[in-house]
PDB file of N, CA and C in Angstrom:
ATOM      1  N   UNK A   1      12.376 -96.751 170.881  1.00  0.00           N
ATOM      2  CA  UNK A   1      12.835 -96.222 169.602  1.00  0.00           C
ATOM      3  C   UNK A   1      11.626 -95.852 168.743  1.00  0.00           C
ATOM      4  N   UNK A   2      11.874 -95.064 167.735  1.00  0.00           N
ATOM      5  CA  UNK A   2      10.816 -94.662 166.809  1.00  0.00           C
ATOM      6  C   UNK A   2      10.219 -95.881 166.106  1.00  0.00           C
ATOM      7  N   UNK A   3      11.058 -96.818 165.714  1.00  0.00           N
ATOM      8  CA  UNK A   3      10.580 -98.029 165.036  1.00  0.00           C
ATOM      9  C   UNK A   3       9.677 -98.856 165.953  1.00  0.00           C
ATOM     10  N   UNK A   4      10.041 -98.985 167.227  1.00  0.00           N
ATOM     11  CA  UNK A   4       9.205 -99.718 168.181  1.00  0.00           C
ATOM     12  C   UNK A   4       7.856 -99.034 168.365  1.00  0.00           C
ATOM     13  N   UNK A   5       7.883 -97.707 168.438  1.00  0.00           N
ATOM     14  CA  UNK A   5       6.657 -96.925 168.586  1.00  0.00           C
ATOM     15  C   UNK A   5       5.726 -97.168 167.397  1.00  0.00           C
ATOM     16  N   UNK A   6       6.267 -97.119 166.186  1.00  0.00           N
ATOM     17  CA  UNK A   6       5.473 -97.333 164.978  1.00  0.00           C
ATOM     18  C   UNK A   6       4.930 -98.755 164.941  1.00  0.00           C
ATOM     19  N   UNK A   7       5.737 -99.726 165.324  1.00  0.00           N
ATOM     20  CA  UNK A   7       5.270-101.120 165.359  1.00  0.00           C
ATOM     21  C   UNK A   7       4.071-101.277 166.293  1.00  0.00           C
ATOM     22  N   UNK A   8       4.125-100.622 167.455  1.00  0.00           N
ATOM     23  CA  UNK A   8       3.030-100.721 168.426  1.00  0.00           C
ATOM     24  C   UNK A   8       1.760-100.060 167.896  1.00  0.00           C
ATOM     25  N   UNK A   9       1.904 -98.915 167.258  1.00  0.00           N
ATOM     26  CA  UNK A   9       0.740 -98.232 166.690  1.00  0.00           C
ATOM     27  C   UNK A   9       0.162 -99.044 165.535  1.00  0.00           C
ATOM     28  N   UNK A  10       1.026 -99.594 164.708  1.00  0.00           N
ATOM     29  CA  UNK A  10       0.569-100.369 163.549  1.00  0.00           C
ATOM     30  C   UNK A  10      -0.104-101.675 163.944  1.00  0.00           C
ATOM     31  N   UNK A  11       0.151-102.156 165.135  1.00  0.00           N
ATOM     32  CA  UNK A  11      -0.534-103.356 165.617  1.00  0.00           C
ATOM     33  C   UNK A  11      -2.045-103.120 165.703  1.00  0.00           C
ATOM     34  N   UNK A  12      -2.431-101.835 165.714  1.00  0.00           N
ATOM     35  CA  UNK A  12      -3.845-101.455 165.762  1.00  0.00           C
ATOM     36  C   UNK A  12      -4.350-100.976 164.403  1.00  0.00           C
ATOM     37  N   UNK A  13      -3.571-101.222 163.328  1.00  0.00           N
ATOM     38  CA  UNK A  13      -4.019-100.923 161.971  1.00  0.00           C
ATOM     39  C   UNK A  13      -3.772 -99.513 161.479  1.00  0.00           C
ATOM     40  N   UNK A  14      -2.829 -98.801 162.078  1.00  0.00           N
ATOM     41  CA  UNK A  14      -2.610 -97.406 161.701  1.00  0.00           C
ATOM     42  C   UNK A  14      -1.969 -97.226 160.326  1.00  0.00           C
ATOM     43  N   UNK A  15      -1.087 -98.118 159.910  1.00  0.00           N
ATOM     44  CA  UNK A  15      -0.434 -97.988 158.606  1.00  0.00           C
ATOM     45  C   UNK A  15       0.644 -96.924 158.553  1.00  0.00           C
ATOM     46  N   UNK A  16       1.247 -96.602 159.695  1.00  0.00           N
ATOM     47  CA  UNK A  16       2.327 -95.616 159.726  1.00  0.00           C
ATOM     48  C   UNK A  16       3.611 -96.261 159.229  1.00  0.00           C
ATOM     49  N   UNK A  17       4.555 -95.433 158.779  1.00  0.00           N
ATOM     50  CA  UNK A  17       5.841 -95.966 158.328  1.00  0.00           C
ATOM     51  C   UNK A  17       6.938 -94.925 158.489  1.00  0.00           C
ATOM     52  N   UNK A  18       8.176 -95.407 158.436  1.00  0.00           N
ATOM     53  CA  UNK A  18       9.357 -94.556 158.539  1.00  0.00           C
ATOM     54  C   UNK A  18      10.135 -94.684 157.233  1.00  0.00           C
ATOM     55  N   UNK A  19      10.519 -93.551 156.666  1.00  0.00           N
ATOM     56  CA  UNK A  19      11.360 -93.549 155.477  1.00  0.00           C
ATOM     57  C   UNK A  19      12.409 -92.451 155.653  1.00  0.00           C
ATOM     58  N   UNK A  20      13.668 -92.832 155.535  1.00  0.00           N
ATOM     59  CA  UNK A  20      14.787 -91.886 155.680  1.00  0.00           C
ATOM     60  C   UNK A  20      14.706 -91.095 156.985  1.00  0.00           C
ATOM     61  N   UNK A  21      14.305 -91.777 158.060  1.00  0.00           N
ATOM     62  CA  UNK A  21      14.263 -91.149 159.377  1.00  0.00           C
ATOM     63  C   UNK A  21      13.047 -90.266 159.629  1.00  0.00           C
ATOM     64  N   UNK A  22      12.130 -90.209 158.669  1.00  0.00           N
ATOM     65  CA  UNK A  22      10.919 -89.404 158.812  1.00  0.00           C
ATOM     66  C   UNK A  22       9.740 -90.332 159.080  1.00  0.00           C
ATOM     67  N   UNK A  23       8.935 -89.979 160.073  1.00  0.00           N
ATOM     68  CA  UNK A  23       7.735 -90.740 160.406  1.00  0.00           C
ATOM     69  C   UNK A  23       6.574 -90.217 159.576  1.00  0.00           C
ATOM     70  N   UNK A  24       5.883 -91.109 158.892  1.00  0.00           N
ATOM     71  CA  UNK A  24       4.707 -90.754 158.111  1.00  0.00           C
ATOM     72  C   UNK A  24       3.483 -91.339 158.810  1.00  0.00           C
ATOM     73  N   UNK A  25       2.571 -90.446 159.205  1.00  0.00           N
ATOM     74  CA  UNK A  25       1.362 -90.864 159.910  1.00  0.00           C
ATOM     75  C   UNK A  25       0.158 -90.708 159.000  1.00  0.00           C
ATOM     76  N   UNK A  26      -0.745 -91.660 159.099  1.00  0.00           N
ATOM     77  CA  UNK A  26      -1.974 -91.630 158.310  1.00  0.00           C
ATOM     78  C   UNK A  26      -3.157 -91.408 159.238  1.00  0.00           C
ATOM     79  N   UNK A  27      -4.089 -90.607 158.769  1.00  0.00           N
ATOM     80  CA  UNK A  27      -5.380 -90.461 159.431  1.00  0.00           C
ATOM     81  C   UNK A  27      -6.400 -91.001 158.448  1.00  0.00           C
ATOM     82  N   UNK A  28      -7.091 -92.056 158.836  1.00  0.00           N
ATOM     83  CA  UNK A  28      -7.986 -92.754 157.925  1.00  0.00           C
ATOM     84  C   UNK A  28      -9.371 -92.126 157.845  1.00  0.00           C
ATOM     85  N   UNK A  29      -9.683 -91.233 158.776  1.00  0.00           N
ATOM     86  CA  UNK A  29     -10.936 -90.479 158.789  1.00  0.00           C
ATOM     87  C   UNK A  29     -10.601 -89.013 159.025  1.00  0.00           C
ATOM     88  N   UNK A  30     -11.449 -88.129 158.541  1.00  0.00           N
ATOM     89  CA  UNK A  30     -11.259 -86.703 158.803  1.00  0.00           C
ATOM     90  C   UNK A  30     -11.526 -86.454 160.283  1.00  0.00           C
ATOM     91  N   UNK A  31     -10.540 -85.910 160.975  1.00  0.00           N
ATOM     92  CA  UNK A  31     -10.638 -85.660 162.413  1.00  0.00           C
ATOM     93  C   UNK A  31     -11.139 -84.248 162.731  1.00  0.00           C
ATOM     94  N   UNK A  32     -11.287 -83.414 161.717  1.00  0.00           N
ATOM     95  CA  UNK A  32     -11.612 -82.003 161.945  1.00  0.00           C
ATOM     96  C   UNK A  32     -13.111 -81.773 161.986  1.00  0.00           C
ATOM     97  N   UNK A  33     -13.595 -81.299 163.114  1.00  0.00           N
ATOM     98  CA  UNK A  33     -15.028 -81.052 163.261  1.00  0.00           C
ATOM     99  C   UNK A  33     -15.510 -79.906 162.369  1.00  0.00           C
ATOM    100  N   UNK A  34     -14.607 -79.035 161.933  1.00  0.00           N
ATOM    101  CA  UNK A  34     -15.001 -77.900 161.104  1.00  0.00           C
ATOM    102  C   UNK A  34     -15.293 -78.305 159.657  1.00  0.00           C
ATOM    103  N   UNK A  35     -14.644 -79.341 159.145  1.00  0.00           N
ATOM    104  CA  UNK A  35     -14.843 -79.717 157.735  1.00  0.00           C
ATOM    105  C   UNK A  35     -15.280 -81.173 157.555  1.00  0.00           C
ATOM    106  N   UNK A  36     -15.462 -81.882 158.626  1.00  0.00           N
ATOM    107  CA  UNK A  36     -15.809 -83.308 158.554  1.00  0.00           C
ATOM    108  C   UNK A  36     -17.002 -83.572 157.639  1.00  0.00           C
ATOM    109  N   UNK A  37     -18.010 -82.716 157.661  1.00  0.00           N
ATOM    110  CA  UNK A  37     -19.224 -82.941 156.885  1.00  0.00           C
ATOM    111  C   UNK A  37     -19.211 -82.267 155.515  1.00  0.00           C
ATOM    112  N   UNK A  38     -18.113 -81.627 155.160  1.00  0.00           N
ATOM    113  CA  UNK A  38     -17.973 -81.026 153.835  1.00  0.00           C
ATOM    114  C   UNK A  38     -17.499 -82.120 152.882  1.00  0.00           C
ATOM    115  N   UNK A  39     -18.151 -82.280 151.740  1.00  0.00           N
ATOM    116  CA  UNK A  39     -17.768 -83.376 150.845  1.00  0.00           C
ATOM    117  C   UNK A  39     -16.334 -83.278 150.316  1.00  0.00           C
ATOM    118  N   UNK A  40     -15.888 -82.073 149.965  1.00  0.00           N
ATOM    119  CA  UNK A  40     -14.526 -81.920 149.443  1.00  0.00           C
ATOM    120  C   UNK A  40     -14.087 -80.464 149.551  1.00  0.00           C
ATOM    121  N   UNK A  41     -12.785 -80.268 149.416  1.00  0.00           N
ATOM    122  CA  UNK A  41     -12.187 -78.925 149.446  1.00  0.00           C
ATOM    123  C   UNK A  41     -11.257 -78.772 148.252  1.00  0.00           C
ATOM    124  N   UNK A  42     -11.108 -77.531 147.775  1.00  0.00           N
ATOM    125  CA  UNK A  42     -10.221 -77.263 146.644  1.00  0.00           C
ATOM    126  C   UNK A  42      -8.756 -77.153 147.051  1.00  0.00           C
ATOM    127  N   UNK A  43      -8.503 -76.887 148.342  1.00  0.00           N
ATOM    128  CA  UNK A  43      -7.125 -76.776 148.828  1.00  0.00           C
ATOM    129  C   UNK A  43      -7.043 -77.354 150.235  1.00  0.00           C
ATOM    130  N   UNK A  44      -5.835 -77.500 150.732  1.00  0.00           N
ATOM    131  CA  UNK A  44      -5.623 -78.048 152.076  1.00  0.00           C
ATOM    132  C   UNK A  44      -5.645 -76.963 153.154  1.00  0.00           C
ATOM    133  N   UNK A  45      -5.981 -75.726 152.810  1.00  0.00           N
ATOM    134  CA  UNK A  45      -5.921 -74.622 153.764  1.00  0.00           C
ATOM    135  C   UNK A  45      -6.704 -74.912 155.042  1.00  0.00           C
ATOM    136  N   UNK A  46      -7.929 -75.402 154.930  1.00  0.00           N
ATOM    137  CA  UNK A  46      -8.729 -75.705 156.113  1.00  0.00           C
ATOM    138  C   UNK A  46      -8.146 -76.856 156.917  1.00  0.00           C
ATOM    139  N   UNK A  47      -7.285 -77.639 156.319  1.00  0.00           N
ATOM    140  CA  UNK A  47      -6.717 -78.818 156.977  1.00  0.00           C
ATOM    141  C   UNK A  47      -5.390 -78.525 157.683  1.00  0.00           C
ATOM    142  N   UNK A  48      -4.854 -77.328 157.532  1.00  0.00           N
ATOM    143  CA  UNK A  48      -3.543 -77.029 158.108  1.00  0.00           C
ATOM    144  C   UNK A  48      -3.524 -77.094 159.632  1.00  0.00           C
ATOM    145  N   UNK A  49      -4.682 -76.960 160.266  1.00  0.00           N
ATOM    146  CA  UNK A  49      -4.705 -77.100 161.726  1.00  0.00           C
ATOM    147  C   UNK A  49      -4.280 -78.511 162.130  1.00  0.00           C
ATOM    148  N   UNK A  50      -4.545 -79.497 161.268  1.00  0.00           N
ATOM    149  CA  UNK A  50      -4.115 -80.874 161.546  1.00  0.00           C
ATOM    150  C   UNK A  50      -2.592 -80.958 161.611  1.00  0.00           C
ATOM    151  N   UNK A  51      -1.919 -80.157 160.800  1.00  0.00           N
ATOM    152  CA  UNK A  51      -0.463 -80.120 160.820  1.00  0.00           C
ATOM    153  C   UNK A  51       0.037 -79.622 162.178  1.00  0.00           C
ATOM    154  N   UNK A  52      -0.536 -78.534 162.657  1.00  0.00           N
ATOM    155  CA  UNK A  52      -0.142 -77.985 163.953  1.00  0.00           C
ATOM    156  C   UNK A  52      -0.517 -78.898 165.108  1.00  0.00           C
ATOM    157  N   UNK A  53      -1.698 -79.491 165.034  1.00  0.00           N
ATOM    158  CA  UNK A  53      -2.147 -80.422 166.069  1.00  0.00           C
ATOM    159  C   UNK A  53      -1.203 -81.622 166.147  1.00  0.00           C
ATOM    160  N   UNK A  54      -0.854 -82.173 164.993  1.00  0.00           N
ATOM    161  CA  UNK A  54       0.032 -83.338 164.940  1.00  0.00           C
ATOM    162  C   UNK A  54       1.414 -82.982 165.482  1.00  0.00           C
ATOM    163  N   UNK A  55       1.907 -81.806 165.124  1.00  0.00           N
ATOM    164  CA  UNK A  55       3.212 -81.371 165.614  1.00  0.00           C
ATOM    165  C   UNK A  55       3.220 -81.278 167.133  1.00  0.00           C
ATOM    166  N   UNK A  56       2.201 -80.668 167.688  1.00  0.00           N
ATOM    167  CA  UNK A  56       2.126 -80.529 169.149  1.00  0.00           C
ATOM    168  C   UNK A  56       1.991 -81.887 169.825  1.00  0.00           C
ATOM    169  N   UNK A  57       1.178 -82.760 169.267  1.00  0.00           N
ATOM    170  CA  UNK A  57       0.996 -84.097 169.828  1.00  0.00           C
ATOM    171  C   UNK A  57       2.317 -84.862 169.866  1.00  0.00           C
ATOM    172  N   UNK A  58       3.044 -84.868 168.753  1.00  0.00           N
ATOM    173  CA  UNK A  58       4.289 -85.627 168.709  1.00  0.00           C
ATOM    174  C   UNK A  58       5.418 -84.953 169.476  1.00  0.00           C
ATOM    175  N   UNK A  59       5.347 -83.655 169.659  1.00  0.00           N
ATOM    176  CA  UNK A  59       6.315 -82.966 170.523  1.00  0.00           C
ATOM    177  C   UNK A  59       6.152 -83.500 171.943  1.00  0.00           C
ATOM    178  N   UNK A  60       4.930 -83.693 172.348  1.00  0.00           N
ATOM    179  CA  UNK A  60       4.646 -84.228 173.684  1.00  0.00           C
ATOM    180  C   UNK A  60       5.037 -85.711 173.768  1.00  0.00           C
ATOM    181  N   UNK A  61       4.691 -86.504 172.752  1.00  0.00           N
ATOM    182  CA  UNK A  61       4.984 -87.945 172.756  1.00  0.00           C
ATOM    183  C   UNK A  61       6.481 -88.202 172.842  1.00  0.00           C
ATOM    184  N   UNK A  62       7.256 -87.486 172.027  1.00  0.00           N
ATOM    185  CA  UNK A  62       8.699 -87.735 171.963  1.00  0.00           C
ATOM    186  C   UNK A  62       9.507 -86.893 172.949  1.00  0.00           C
ATOM    187  N   UNK A  63       8.887 -85.864 173.531  1.00  0.00           N
ATOM    188  CA  UNK A  63       9.603 -85.001 174.464  1.00  0.00           C
ATOM    189  C   UNK A  63      10.718 -84.219 173.784  1.00  0.00           C
ATOM    190  N   UNK A  64      10.568 -83.980 172.497  1.00  0.00           N
ATOM    191  CA  UNK A  64      11.565 -83.244 171.701  1.00  0.00           C
ATOM    192  C   UNK A  64      10.835 -82.388 170.679  1.00  0.00           C
ATOM    193  N   UNK A  65      11.547 -81.414 170.144  1.00  0.00           N
ATOM    194  CA  UNK A  65      10.965 -80.621 169.070  1.00  0.00           C
ATOM    195  C   UNK A  65      10.776 -81.485 167.836  1.00  0.00           C
ATOM    196  N   UNK A  66       9.678 -81.271 167.147  1.00  0.00           N
ATOM    197  CA  UNK A  66       9.397 -81.966 165.902  1.00  0.00           C
ATOM    198  C   UNK A  66       8.909 -80.938 164.885  1.00  0.00           C
ATOM    199  N   UNK A  67       8.961 -81.317 163.650  1.00  0.00           N
ATOM    200  CA  UNK A  67       8.424 -80.500 162.565  1.00  0.00           C
ATOM    201  C   UNK A  67       7.469 -81.383 161.774  1.00  0.00           C
ATOM    202  N   UNK A  68       6.274 -80.890 161.510  1.00  0.00           N
ATOM    203  CA  UNK A  68       5.314 -81.688 160.749  1.00  0.00           C
ATOM    204  C   UNK A  68       5.007 -81.010 159.427  1.00  0.00           C
ATOM    205  N   UNK A  69       4.611 -81.829 158.457  1.00  0.00           N
ATOM    206  CA  UNK A  69       4.244 -81.326 157.142  1.00  0.00           C
ATOM    207  C   UNK A  69       3.047 -82.120 156.635  1.00  0.00           C
ATOM    208  N   UNK A  70       1.962 -81.419 156.379  1.00  0.00           N
ATOM    209  CA  UNK A  70       0.764 -82.047 155.833  1.00  0.00           C
ATOM    210  C   UNK A  70       0.984 -82.288 154.339  1.00  0.00           C
ATOM    211  N   UNK A  71       0.918 -83.544 153.931  1.00  0.00           N
ATOM    212  CA  UNK A  71       1.224 -83.910 152.549  1.00  0.00           C
ATOM    213  C   UNK A  71      -0.011 -84.150 151.690  1.00  0.00           C
ATOM    214  N   UNK A  72      -1.057 -84.698 152.290  1.00  0.00           N
ATOM    215  CA  UNK A  72      -2.290 -84.942 151.544  1.00  0.00           C
ATOM    216  C   UNK A  72      -3.444 -85.060 152.522  1.00  0.00           C
ATOM    217  N   UNK A  73      -4.669 -84.828 152.021  1.00  0.00           N
ATOM    218  CA  UNK A  73      -5.839 -84.892 152.892  1.00  0.00           C
ATOM    219  C   UNK A  73      -6.999 -85.620 152.211  1.00  0.00           C
ATOM    220  N   UNK A  74      -7.836 -86.164 153.038  1.00  0.00           N
ATOM    221  CA  UNK A  74      -9.050 -86.828 152.569  1.00  0.00           C
ATOM    222  C   UNK A  74      -9.931 -85.833 151.824  1.00  0.00           C
ATOM    223  N   UNK A  75     -10.061 -84.647 152.368  1.00  0.00           N
ATOM    224  CA  UNK A  75     -10.973 -83.646 151.801  1.00  0.00           C
ATOM    225  C   UNK A  75     -10.515 -83.103 150.453  1.00  0.00           C
ATOM    226  N   UNK A  76      -9.251 -83.330 150.094  1.00  0.00           N
ATOM    227  CA  UNK A  76      -8.786 -82.919 148.764  1.00  0.00           C
ATOM    228  C   UNK A  76      -8.685 -84.118 147.827  1.00  0.00           C
ATOM    229  N   UNK A  77      -9.376 -85.202 148.186  1.00  0.00           N
ATOM    230  CA  UNK A  77      -9.521 -86.322 147.273  1.00  0.00           C
ATOM    231  C   UNK A  77      -8.649 -87.535 147.505  1.00  0.00           C
ATOM    232  N   UNK A  78      -7.876 -87.556 148.574  1.00  0.00           N
ATOM    233  CA  UNK A  78      -7.024 -88.706 148.858  1.00  0.00           C
ATOM    234  C   UNK A  78      -7.738 -89.717 149.747  1.00  0.00           C
ATOM    235  N   UNK A  79      -7.232 -90.922 149.759  1.00  0.00           N
ATOM    236  CA  UNK A  79      -7.820 -91.995 150.555  1.00  0.00           C
ATOM    237  C   UNK A  79      -7.649 -91.754 152.056  1.00  0.00           C
ATOM    238  N   UNK A  80      -6.577 -91.055 152.434  1.00  0.00           N
ATOM    239  CA  UNK A  80      -6.289 -90.771 153.832  1.00  0.00           C
ATOM    240  C   UNK A  80      -5.474 -89.486 153.921  1.00  0.00           C
ATOM    241  N   UNK A  81      -5.444 -88.891 155.103  1.00  0.00           N
ATOM    242  CA  UNK A  81      -4.564 -87.749 155.358  1.00  0.00           C
ATOM    243  C   UNK A  81      -3.187 -88.299 155.670  1.00  0.00           C
ATOM    244  N   UNK A  82      -2.148 -87.619 155.223  1.00  0.00           N
ATOM    245  CA  UNK A  82      -0.776 -88.064 155.452  1.00  0.00           C
ATOM    246  C   UNK A  82       0.043 -86.887 155.958  1.00  0.00           C
ATOM    247  N   UNK A  83       0.712 -87.116 157.087  1.00  0.00           N
ATOM    248  CA  UNK A  83       1.538 -86.087 157.714  1.00  0.00           C
ATOM    249  C   UNK A  83       2.937 -86.652 157.924  1.00  0.00           C
ATOM    250  N   UNK A  84       3.954 -85.882 157.528  1.00  0.00           N
ATOM    251  CA  UNK A  84       5.352 -86.255 157.768  1.00  0.00           C
ATOM    252  C   UNK A  84       5.788 -85.595 159.067  1.00  0.00           C
ATOM    253  N   UNK A  85       6.433 -86.377 159.942  1.00  0.00           N
ATOM    254  CA  UNK A  85       6.922 -85.881 161.231  1.00  0.00           C
ATOM    255  C   UNK A  85       8.430 -86.063 161.256  1.00  0.00           C
ATOM    256  N   UNK A  86       9.149 -84.970 161.426  1.00  0.00           N
ATOM    257  CA  UNK A  86      10.607 -85.010 161.541  1.00  0.00           C
ATOM    258  C   UNK A  86      10.977 -84.674 162.987  1.00  0.00           C
ATOM    259  N   UNK A  87      11.594 -85.631 163.662  1.00  0.00           N
ATOM    260  CA  UNK A  87      12.024 -85.430 165.055  1.00  0.00           C
ATOM    261  C   UNK A  87      13.359 -84.719 165.009  1.00  0.00           C
ATOM    262  N   UNK A  88      13.460 -83.610 165.719  1.00  0.00           N
ATOM    263  CA  UNK A  88      14.713 -82.819 165.719  1.00  0.00           C
ATOM    264  C   UNK A  88      15.643 -83.298 166.815  1.00  0.00           C
TER     265      UNK A  88
END
């Protein structure tokens, strides 16, 4: 189940959670090699590839279509990147 999956990931300190059937994933470090060394960005435009990457990753993990939405990023001043994953 989705809850079991999140529990297993969180056992390693991920801090993921489910709210209203939506999985919220956190990235605690900038994973993008293109902007990792940039101190900050004015918009999330450069970070949108993370949205597509996350969608493809979870499509493979769950074996179903998913929709992802990038909600916040480290490079725009947040403590972590946050992506919402909706399993279809």
